[in-house]
Amino acid sequence: MSTNRTKSKSVIQAVTVERGTWRSNQAYRDVVDELRFPLDILVMNVYDLVVAAGGATFWRLKATSNGGFFLFPEKKKKTVEVLSPNGHRACVSIEASGIVATLFTLIELSPRTSAITTFVRLMEYAKQQPEFSAISSLMAGL
């Protein structure tokens, strides 16, 4: 008698990092150190380019349990429309819009090793999100 064993993939979690302690996240610190420029400014600028409603005064950072991170704005709105450079539009949650803006920024920063590593880890997290089909469409071809 044979038994089928399936490997269950562990779910990647994300937790909010307190304001003022973002550099405590190793992946964030690695990208900033390699870049030698505030990464959050770049993500905010990209966000303003792809989200017509723009960003916000306050931003949050979420660290993923697989060693990635993403930034997203604090907004009262629950969803925003994102227009990708590839021409695709999607209405997504604020967190998903931050994932997309962070991914776009990390793509622009490649071939820096830390940016590529963080991009891969954030995509692994994004693949587990309910809005991944929209995120994937926004990222297609970039």
N, C-alpha and C. Protein backbone atom coordinates (compact mmCIF):
# COMPACT_ATOMS: atom_id res chain seq x y z
N MET A 1 0.85 -1.16 0.00
CA MET A 1 0.00 0.00 0.00
C MET A 1 0.90 1.24 0.00
N SER A 2 0.66 2.14 -0.94
CA SER A 2 1.45 3.37 -0.99
C SER A 2 0.61 4.54 -0.52
N THR A 3 1.30 5.46 0.07
CA THR A 3 0.60 6.66 0.52
C THR A 3 1.13 7.86 -0.24
N ASN A 4 0.23 8.75 -0.56
CA ASN A 4 0.63 9.99 -1.23
C ASN A 4 0.93 11.04 -0.19
N ARG A 5 2.12 11.53 -0.25
CA ARG A 5 2.50 12.61 0.65
C ARG A 5 2.63 13.88 -0.16
N THR A 6 2.01 14.89 0.33
CA THR A 6 2.13 16.18 -0.34
C THR A 6 2.88 17.13 0.57
N LYS A 7 3.75 17.86 -0.03
CA LYS A 7 4.48 18.86 0.73
C LYS A 7 3.63 20.11 0.80
N SER A 8 3.40 20.57 1.97
CA SER A 8 2.65 21.81 2.10
C SER A 8 3.65 22.96 2.19
N LYS A 9 3.44 23.95 1.36
CA LYS A 9 4.30 25.12 1.39
C LYS A 9 3.90 25.98 2.58
N SER A 10 4.90 26.49 3.23
CA SER A 10 4.60 27.35 4.37
C SER A 10 4.13 28.70 3.85
N VAL A 11 3.17 29.23 4.53
CA VAL A 11 2.60 30.51 4.15
C VAL A 11 3.56 31.61 4.60
N ILE A 12 3.82 32.54 3.70
CA ILE A 12 4.68 33.67 4.02
C ILE A 12 3.83 34.74 4.66
N GLN A 13 4.22 35.14 5.85
CA GLN A 13 3.50 36.15 6.61
C GLN A 13 4.15 37.52 6.42
N ALA A 14 3.41 38.57 6.74
CA ALA A 14 3.97 39.93 6.71
C ALA A 14 3.54 40.65 7.98
N VAL A 15 4.47 41.36 8.58
CA VAL A 15 4.18 42.14 9.78
C VAL A 15 4.63 43.57 9.57
N THR A 16 3.89 44.50 10.15
CA THR A 16 4.22 45.91 10.03
C THR A 16 5.41 46.24 10.92
N VAL A 17 6.36 46.96 10.34
CA VAL A 17 7.54 47.42 11.07
C VAL A 17 7.23 48.84 11.55
N GLU A 18 7.49 49.10 12.81
CA GLU A 18 7.19 50.41 13.38
C GLU A 18 7.93 51.53 12.66
N ARG A 19 7.24 52.65 12.50
CA ARG A 19 7.83 53.83 11.90
C ARG A 19 9.10 54.20 12.66
N GLY A 20 10.13 54.58 11.93
CA GLY A 20 11.38 54.95 12.57
C GLY A 20 12.35 53.79 12.77
N THR A 21 11.88 52.57 12.54
CA THR A 21 12.75 51.40 12.72
C THR A 21 12.86 50.57 11.44
N TRP A 22 12.54 51.16 10.30
CA TRP A 22 12.59 50.40 9.05
C TRP A 22 13.96 49.81 8.79
N ARG A 23 15.01 50.54 9.17
CA ARG A 23 16.36 50.03 8.93
C ARG A 23 16.68 48.81 9.78
N SER A 24 15.79 48.46 10.70
CA SER A 24 15.99 47.23 11.46
C SER A 24 15.70 46.01 10.60
N ASN A 25 15.00 46.21 9.48
CA ASN A 25 14.73 45.12 8.55
C ASN A 25 15.97 44.91 7.68
N GLN A 26 16.56 43.74 7.75
CA GLN A 26 17.82 43.46 7.07
C GLN A 26 17.72 43.67 5.56
N ALA A 27 16.65 43.20 4.93
CA ALA A 27 16.51 43.34 3.48
C ALA A 27 16.42 44.81 3.08
N TYR A 28 15.64 45.58 3.82
CA TYR A 28 15.53 47.02 3.54
C TYR A 28 16.89 47.69 3.68
N ARG A 29 17.58 47.36 4.77
CA ARG A 29 18.90 47.95 5.02
C ARG A 29 19.88 47.58 3.91
N ASP A 30 19.85 46.32 3.45
CA ASP A 30 20.76 45.88 2.38
C ASP A 30 20.54 46.67 1.10
N VAL A 31 19.27 46.87 0.72
CA VAL A 31 18.97 47.61 -0.50
C VAL A 31 19.40 49.06 -0.35
N VAL A 32 19.08 49.69 0.76
CA VAL A 32 19.44 51.10 0.98
C VAL A 32 20.96 51.26 1.01
N ASP A 33 21.65 50.35 1.68
CA ASP A 33 23.11 50.45 1.76
C ASP A 33 23.75 50.29 0.38
N GLU A 34 23.24 49.37 -0.41
CA GLU A 34 23.79 49.17 -1.76
C GLU A 34 23.43 50.34 -2.68
N LEU A 35 22.25 50.88 -2.50
CA LEU A 35 21.77 51.99 -3.32
C LEU A 35 22.42 53.31 -2.93
N ARG A 36 22.64 53.49 -1.63
CA ARG A 36 23.18 54.73 -1.07
C ARG A 36 22.24 55.91 -1.31
N PHE A 37 20.95 55.61 -1.24
CA PHE A 37 19.91 56.61 -1.41
C PHE A 37 18.67 56.08 -0.69
N PRO A 38 17.85 56.96 -0.12
CA PRO A 38 16.64 56.49 0.59
C PRO A 38 15.66 55.77 -0.35
N LEU A 39 15.52 54.50 -0.15
CA LEU A 39 14.64 53.68 -0.98
C LEU A 39 13.20 54.14 -0.89
N ASP A 40 12.76 54.55 0.31
CA ASP A 40 11.37 54.94 0.47
C ASP A 40 11.01 56.10 -0.47
N ILE A 41 11.92 57.02 -0.71
CA ILE A 41 11.66 58.14 -1.63
C ILE A 41 11.40 57.61 -3.03
N LEU A 42 12.20 56.64 -3.47
CA LEU A 42 12.02 56.06 -4.80
C LEU A 42 10.68 55.35 -4.93
N VAL A 43 10.32 54.56 -3.91
CA VAL A 43 9.03 53.86 -3.96
C VAL A 43 7.88 54.87 -3.99
N MET A 44 7.97 55.93 -3.20
CA MET A 44 6.92 56.95 -3.17
C MET A 44 6.79 57.64 -4.53
N ASN A 45 7.91 57.92 -5.17
CA ASN A 45 7.88 58.54 -6.50
C ASN A 45 7.26 57.62 -7.53
N VAL A 46 7.62 56.35 -7.50
CA VAL A 46 7.03 55.37 -8.42
C VAL A 46 5.53 55.26 -8.16
N TYR A 47 5.16 55.22 -6.90
CA TYR A 47 3.74 55.12 -6.54
C TYR A 47 2.96 56.29 -7.14
N ASP A 48 3.50 57.50 -7.02
CA ASP A 48 2.82 58.68 -7.56
C ASP A 48 2.69 58.61 -9.08
N LEU A 49 3.60 57.90 -9.75
CA LEU A 49 3.52 57.74 -11.21
C LEU A 49 2.45 56.73 -11.64
N VAL A 50 2.24 55.69 -10.83
CA VAL A 50 1.34 54.61 -11.26
C VAL A 50 -0.04 54.65 -10.60
N VAL A 51 -0.19 55.46 -9.55
CA VAL A 51 -1.49 55.58 -8.88
C VAL A 51 -1.95 57.02 -9.01
N ALA A 52 -3.01 57.23 -9.78
CA ALA A 52 -3.50 58.59 -10.03
C ALA A 52 -3.85 59.32 -8.74
N ALA A 53 -4.35 58.59 -7.76
CA ALA A 53 -4.73 59.20 -6.49
C ALA A 53 -3.52 59.60 -5.66
N GLY A 54 -2.34 59.16 -6.08
CA GLY A 54 -1.11 59.52 -5.38
C GLY A 54 -0.94 58.81 -4.06
N GLY A 55 0.16 59.15 -3.42
CA GLY A 55 0.52 58.51 -2.15
C GLY A 55 -0.13 59.19 -0.97
N ALA A 56 0.59 59.24 0.10
CA ALA A 56 0.08 59.79 1.34
C ALA A 56 1.24 60.38 2.12
N THR A 57 0.92 61.07 3.18
CA THR A 57 1.95 61.65 4.02
C THR A 57 2.69 60.57 4.80
N PHE A 58 1.96 59.59 5.30
CA PHE A 58 2.56 58.53 6.10
C PHE A 58 2.59 57.23 5.32
N TRP A 59 3.70 56.55 5.44
CA TRP A 59 3.89 55.26 4.77
C TRP A 59 4.23 54.21 5.82
N ARG A 60 3.94 52.97 5.47
CA ARG A 60 4.20 51.83 6.34
C ARG A 60 5.14 50.88 5.60
N LEU A 61 5.86 50.10 6.37
CA LEU A 61 6.70 49.05 5.81
C LEU A 61 6.24 47.74 6.43
N LYS A 62 6.04 46.74 5.58
CA LYS A 62 5.74 45.39 6.07
C LYS A 62 6.91 44.50 5.69
N ALA A 63 7.38 43.75 6.67
CA ALA A 63 8.45 42.78 6.47
C ALA A 63 7.82 41.41 6.29
N THR A 64 8.27 40.69 5.28
CA THR A 64 7.73 39.35 5.04
C THR A 64 8.62 38.31 5.74
N SER A 65 8.01 37.22 6.10
CA SER A 65 8.74 36.19 6.86
C SER A 65 9.79 35.48 6.02
N ASN A 66 9.79 35.68 4.72
CA ASN A 66 10.82 35.08 3.87
C ASN A 66 11.98 36.04 3.61
N GLY A 67 12.00 37.17 4.30
CA GLY A 67 13.12 38.10 4.18
C GLY A 67 12.91 39.25 3.22
N GLY A 68 11.69 39.46 2.76
CA GLY A 68 11.39 40.59 1.88
C GLY A 68 10.70 41.71 2.63
N PHE A 69 10.24 42.68 1.88
CA PHE A 69 9.50 43.80 2.47
C PHE A 69 8.78 44.54 1.36
N PHE A 70 7.82 45.38 1.77
CA PHE A 70 7.20 46.32 0.84
C PHE A 70 6.70 47.52 1.61
N LEU A 71 6.59 48.63 0.88
CA LEU A 71 6.08 49.87 1.45
C LEU A 71 4.69 50.12 0.89
N PHE A 72 3.84 50.74 1.69
CA PHE A 72 2.51 51.12 1.21
C PHE A 72 2.06 52.35 1.99
N PRO A 73 1.21 53.18 1.36
CA PRO A 73 0.77 54.40 2.04
C PRO A 73 -0.38 54.13 3.01
N GLU A 74 -0.48 54.99 4.01
CA GLU A 74 -1.66 54.96 4.89
C GLU A 74 -2.70 55.84 4.22
N LYS A 75 -3.83 55.25 3.89
CA LYS A 75 -4.92 55.99 3.24
C LYS A 75 -6.24 55.55 3.83
N LYS A 76 -7.21 56.44 3.76
CA LYS A 76 -8.55 56.09 4.21
C LYS A 76 -9.24 55.20 3.18
N LYS A 77 -8.91 55.42 1.91
CA LYS A 77 -9.47 54.59 0.85
C LYS A 77 -9.02 53.14 1.03
N LYS A 78 -9.89 52.23 0.66
CA LYS A 78 -9.56 50.81 0.75
C LYS A 78 -8.88 50.31 -0.52
N THR A 79 -9.25 50.91 -1.68
CA THR A 79 -8.69 50.48 -2.95
C THR A 79 -8.28 51.69 -3.79
N VAL A 80 -7.38 51.45 -4.74
CA VAL A 80 -6.94 52.48 -5.69
C VAL A 80 -6.75 51.83 -7.05
N GLU A 81 -6.77 52.65 -8.07
CA GLU A 81 -6.49 52.15 -9.41
C GLU A 81 -5.02 52.35 -9.73
N VAL A 82 -4.39 51.29 -10.20
CA VAL A 82 -2.98 51.33 -10.59
C VAL A 82 -2.90 51.20 -12.10
N LEU A 83 -2.12 52.08 -12.72
CA LEU A 83 -1.88 52.02 -14.16
C LEU A 83 -0.42 51.64 -14.36
N SER A 84 -0.21 50.46 -14.90
CA SER A 84 1.14 49.95 -15.10
C SER A 84 1.77 50.56 -16.35
N PRO A 85 3.10 50.67 -16.38
CA PRO A 85 3.77 51.09 -17.61
C PRO A 85 3.47 50.15 -18.79
N ASN A 86 3.02 48.93 -18.51
CA ASN A 86 2.67 48.00 -19.58
C ASN A 86 1.27 48.26 -20.14
N GLY A 87 0.57 49.27 -19.60
CA GLY A 87 -0.76 49.63 -20.08
C GLY A 87 -1.91 48.99 -19.33
N HIS A 88 -1.64 48.03 -18.49
CA HIS A 88 -2.71 47.35 -17.74
C HIS A 88 -3.16 48.21 -16.57
N ARG A 89 -4.46 48.22 -16.33
CA ARG A 89 -5.05 48.91 -15.19
C ARG A 89 -5.71 47.89 -14.28
N ALA A 90 -5.64 48.16 -12.98
CA ALA A 90 -6.31 47.28 -12.03
C ALA A 90 -6.65 48.06 -10.77
N CYS A 91 -7.79 47.76 -10.22
CA CYS A 91 -8.20 48.34 -8.95
C CYS A 91 -7.80 47.32 -7.88
N VAL A 92 -6.90 47.74 -6.98
CA VAL A 92 -6.37 46.84 -5.96
C VAL A 92 -6.40 47.49 -4.59
N SER A 93 -6.17 46.70 -3.58
CA SER A 93 -6.10 47.22 -2.21
C SER A 93 -4.88 48.14 -2.07
N ILE A 94 -4.89 48.94 -1.02
CA ILE A 94 -3.75 49.83 -0.74
C ILE A 94 -2.47 49.01 -0.57
N GLU A 95 -2.55 47.92 0.17
CA GLU A 95 -1.36 47.09 0.37
C GLU A 95 -0.86 46.52 -0.95
N ALA A 96 -1.76 46.02 -1.79
CA ALA A 96 -1.35 45.47 -3.09
C ALA A 96 -0.73 46.56 -3.97
N SER A 97 -1.27 47.78 -3.90
CA SER A 97 -0.69 48.87 -4.69
C SER A 97 0.73 49.17 -4.21
N GLY A 98 0.97 49.04 -2.92
CA GLY A 98 2.31 49.21 -2.38
C GLY A 98 3.25 48.10 -2.80
N ILE A 99 2.73 46.87 -2.85
CA ILE A 99 3.53 45.75 -3.33
C ILE A 99 3.97 46.03 -4.76
N VAL A 100 3.03 46.47 -5.59
CA VAL A 100 3.34 46.75 -7.00
C VAL A 100 4.37 47.87 -7.11
N ALA A 101 4.20 48.96 -6.38
CA ALA A 101 5.15 50.08 -6.45
C ALA A 101 6.53 49.65 -5.97
N THR A 102 6.58 48.82 -4.93
CA THR A 102 7.87 48.34 -4.44
C THR A 102 8.52 47.42 -5.48
N LEU A 103 7.72 46.54 -6.09
CA LEU A 103 8.27 45.66 -7.14
C LEU A 103 8.79 46.47 -8.32
N PHE A 104 8.02 47.47 -8.77
CA PHE A 104 8.48 48.32 -9.87
C PHE A 104 9.82 48.97 -9.53
N THR A 105 9.93 49.48 -8.32
CA THR A 105 11.15 50.15 -7.88
C THR A 105 12.32 49.18 -7.86
N LEU A 106 12.09 47.98 -7.33
CA LEU A 106 13.16 46.99 -7.27
C LEU A 106 13.61 46.57 -8.67
N ILE A 107 12.68 46.50 -9.62
CA ILE A 107 13.06 46.19 -11.01
C ILE A 107 14.00 47.27 -11.53
N GLU A 108 13.67 48.51 -11.27
CA GLU A 108 14.49 49.63 -11.74
C GLU A 108 15.88 49.61 -11.11
N LEU A 109 16.01 49.05 -9.92
CA LEU A 109 17.29 49.02 -9.22
C LEU A 109 18.17 47.84 -9.60
N SER A 110 17.62 46.87 -10.35
CA SER A 110 18.45 45.75 -10.75
C SER A 110 19.51 46.29 -11.71
N PRO A 111 20.67 45.77 -11.77
CA PRO A 111 21.11 44.45 -11.33
C PRO A 111 21.71 44.41 -9.93
N ARG A 112 21.40 45.35 -9.08
CA ARG A 112 21.92 45.29 -7.71
C ARG A 112 21.44 43.99 -7.05
N THR A 113 22.37 43.27 -6.47
CA THR A 113 22.08 41.96 -5.89
C THR A 113 20.98 42.02 -4.84
N SER A 114 21.05 42.99 -3.94
CA SER A 114 20.05 43.08 -2.87
C SER A 114 18.67 43.37 -3.43
N ALA A 115 18.57 44.18 -4.48
CA ALA A 115 17.28 44.49 -5.10
C ALA A 115 16.69 43.25 -5.77
N ILE A 116 17.51 42.48 -6.44
CA ILE A 116 17.03 41.26 -7.11
C ILE A 116 16.55 40.25 -6.07
N THR A 117 17.34 40.06 -5.03
CA THR A 117 16.96 39.12 -3.96
C THR A 117 15.64 39.53 -3.34
N THR A 118 15.50 40.81 -3.03
CA THR A 118 14.27 41.31 -2.41
C THR A 118 13.10 41.19 -3.37
N PHE A 119 13.32 41.46 -4.65
CA PHE A 119 12.26 41.32 -5.66
C PHE A 119 11.73 39.88 -5.67
N VAL A 120 12.63 38.92 -5.71
CA VAL A 120 12.23 37.51 -5.75
C VAL A 120 11.43 37.14 -4.49
N ARG A 121 11.90 37.58 -3.34
CA ARG A 121 11.20 37.27 -2.08
C ARG A 121 9.83 37.93 -2.03
N LEU A 122 9.74 39.17 -2.51
CA LEU A 122 8.44 39.86 -2.51
C LEU A 122 7.49 39.22 -3.51
N MET A 123 7.98 38.76 -4.64
CA MET A 123 7.12 38.05 -5.60
C MET A 123 6.60 36.75 -4.99
N GLU A 124 7.43 36.05 -4.23
CA GLU A 124 6.98 34.83 -3.55
C GLU A 124 5.83 35.15 -2.61
N TYR A 125 5.94 36.24 -1.88
CA TYR A 125 4.87 36.67 -0.99
C TYR A 125 3.63 37.06 -1.81
N ALA A 126 3.84 37.84 -2.87
CA ALA A 126 2.73 38.31 -3.70
C ALA A 126 1.93 37.14 -4.30
N LYS A 127 2.62 36.08 -4.67
CA LYS A 127 1.96 34.91 -5.27
C LYS A 127 0.95 34.28 -4.33
N GLN A 128 1.09 34.51 -3.04
CA GLN A 128 0.16 33.93 -2.07
C GLN A 128 -1.01 34.85 -1.75
N GLN A 129 -1.02 36.04 -2.35
CA GLN A 129 -2.06 37.02 -2.05
C GLN A 129 -3.29 36.82 -2.93
N PRO A 130 -4.47 37.12 -2.41
CA PRO A 130 -5.70 36.96 -3.21
C PRO A 130 -5.71 37.83 -4.46
N GLU A 131 -4.96 38.92 -4.45
CA GLU A 131 -4.94 39.83 -5.60
C GLU A 131 -3.78 39.55 -6.56
N PHE A 132 -3.20 38.36 -6.46
CA PHE A 132 -2.01 38.10 -7.29
C PHE A 132 -2.29 38.20 -8.79
N SER A 133 -3.47 37.81 -9.24
CA SER A 133 -3.73 37.90 -10.69
C SER A 133 -3.63 39.36 -11.16
N ALA A 134 -4.11 40.29 -10.37
CA ALA A 134 -4.01 41.72 -10.72
C ALA A 134 -2.56 42.18 -10.62
N ILE A 135 -1.86 41.78 -9.57
CA ILE A 135 -0.46 42.15 -9.40
C ILE A 135 0.35 41.61 -10.58
N SER A 136 0.12 40.37 -10.94
CA SER A 136 0.83 39.74 -12.04
C SER A 136 0.58 40.46 -13.36
N SER A 137 -0.67 40.84 -13.61
CA SER A 137 -1.01 41.59 -14.84
C SER A 137 -0.32 42.94 -14.88
N LEU A 138 -0.24 43.59 -13.73
CA LEU A 138 0.43 44.89 -13.66
C LEU A 138 1.93 44.76 -13.88
N MET A 139 2.51 43.62 -13.50
CA MET A 139 3.95 43.40 -13.62
C MET A 139 4.36 42.78 -14.96
N ALA A 140 3.41 42.24 -15.70
CA ALA A 140 3.71 41.49 -16.92
C ALA A 140 4.56 42.30 -17.90
N GLY A 141 5.62 41.66 -18.35
CA GLY A 141 6.46 42.24 -19.40
C GLY A 141 7.44 43.29 -18.93
N LEU A 142 7.47 43.54 -17.65
CA LEU A 142 8.40 44.59 -17.15
C LEU A 142 9.69 43.98 -16.64
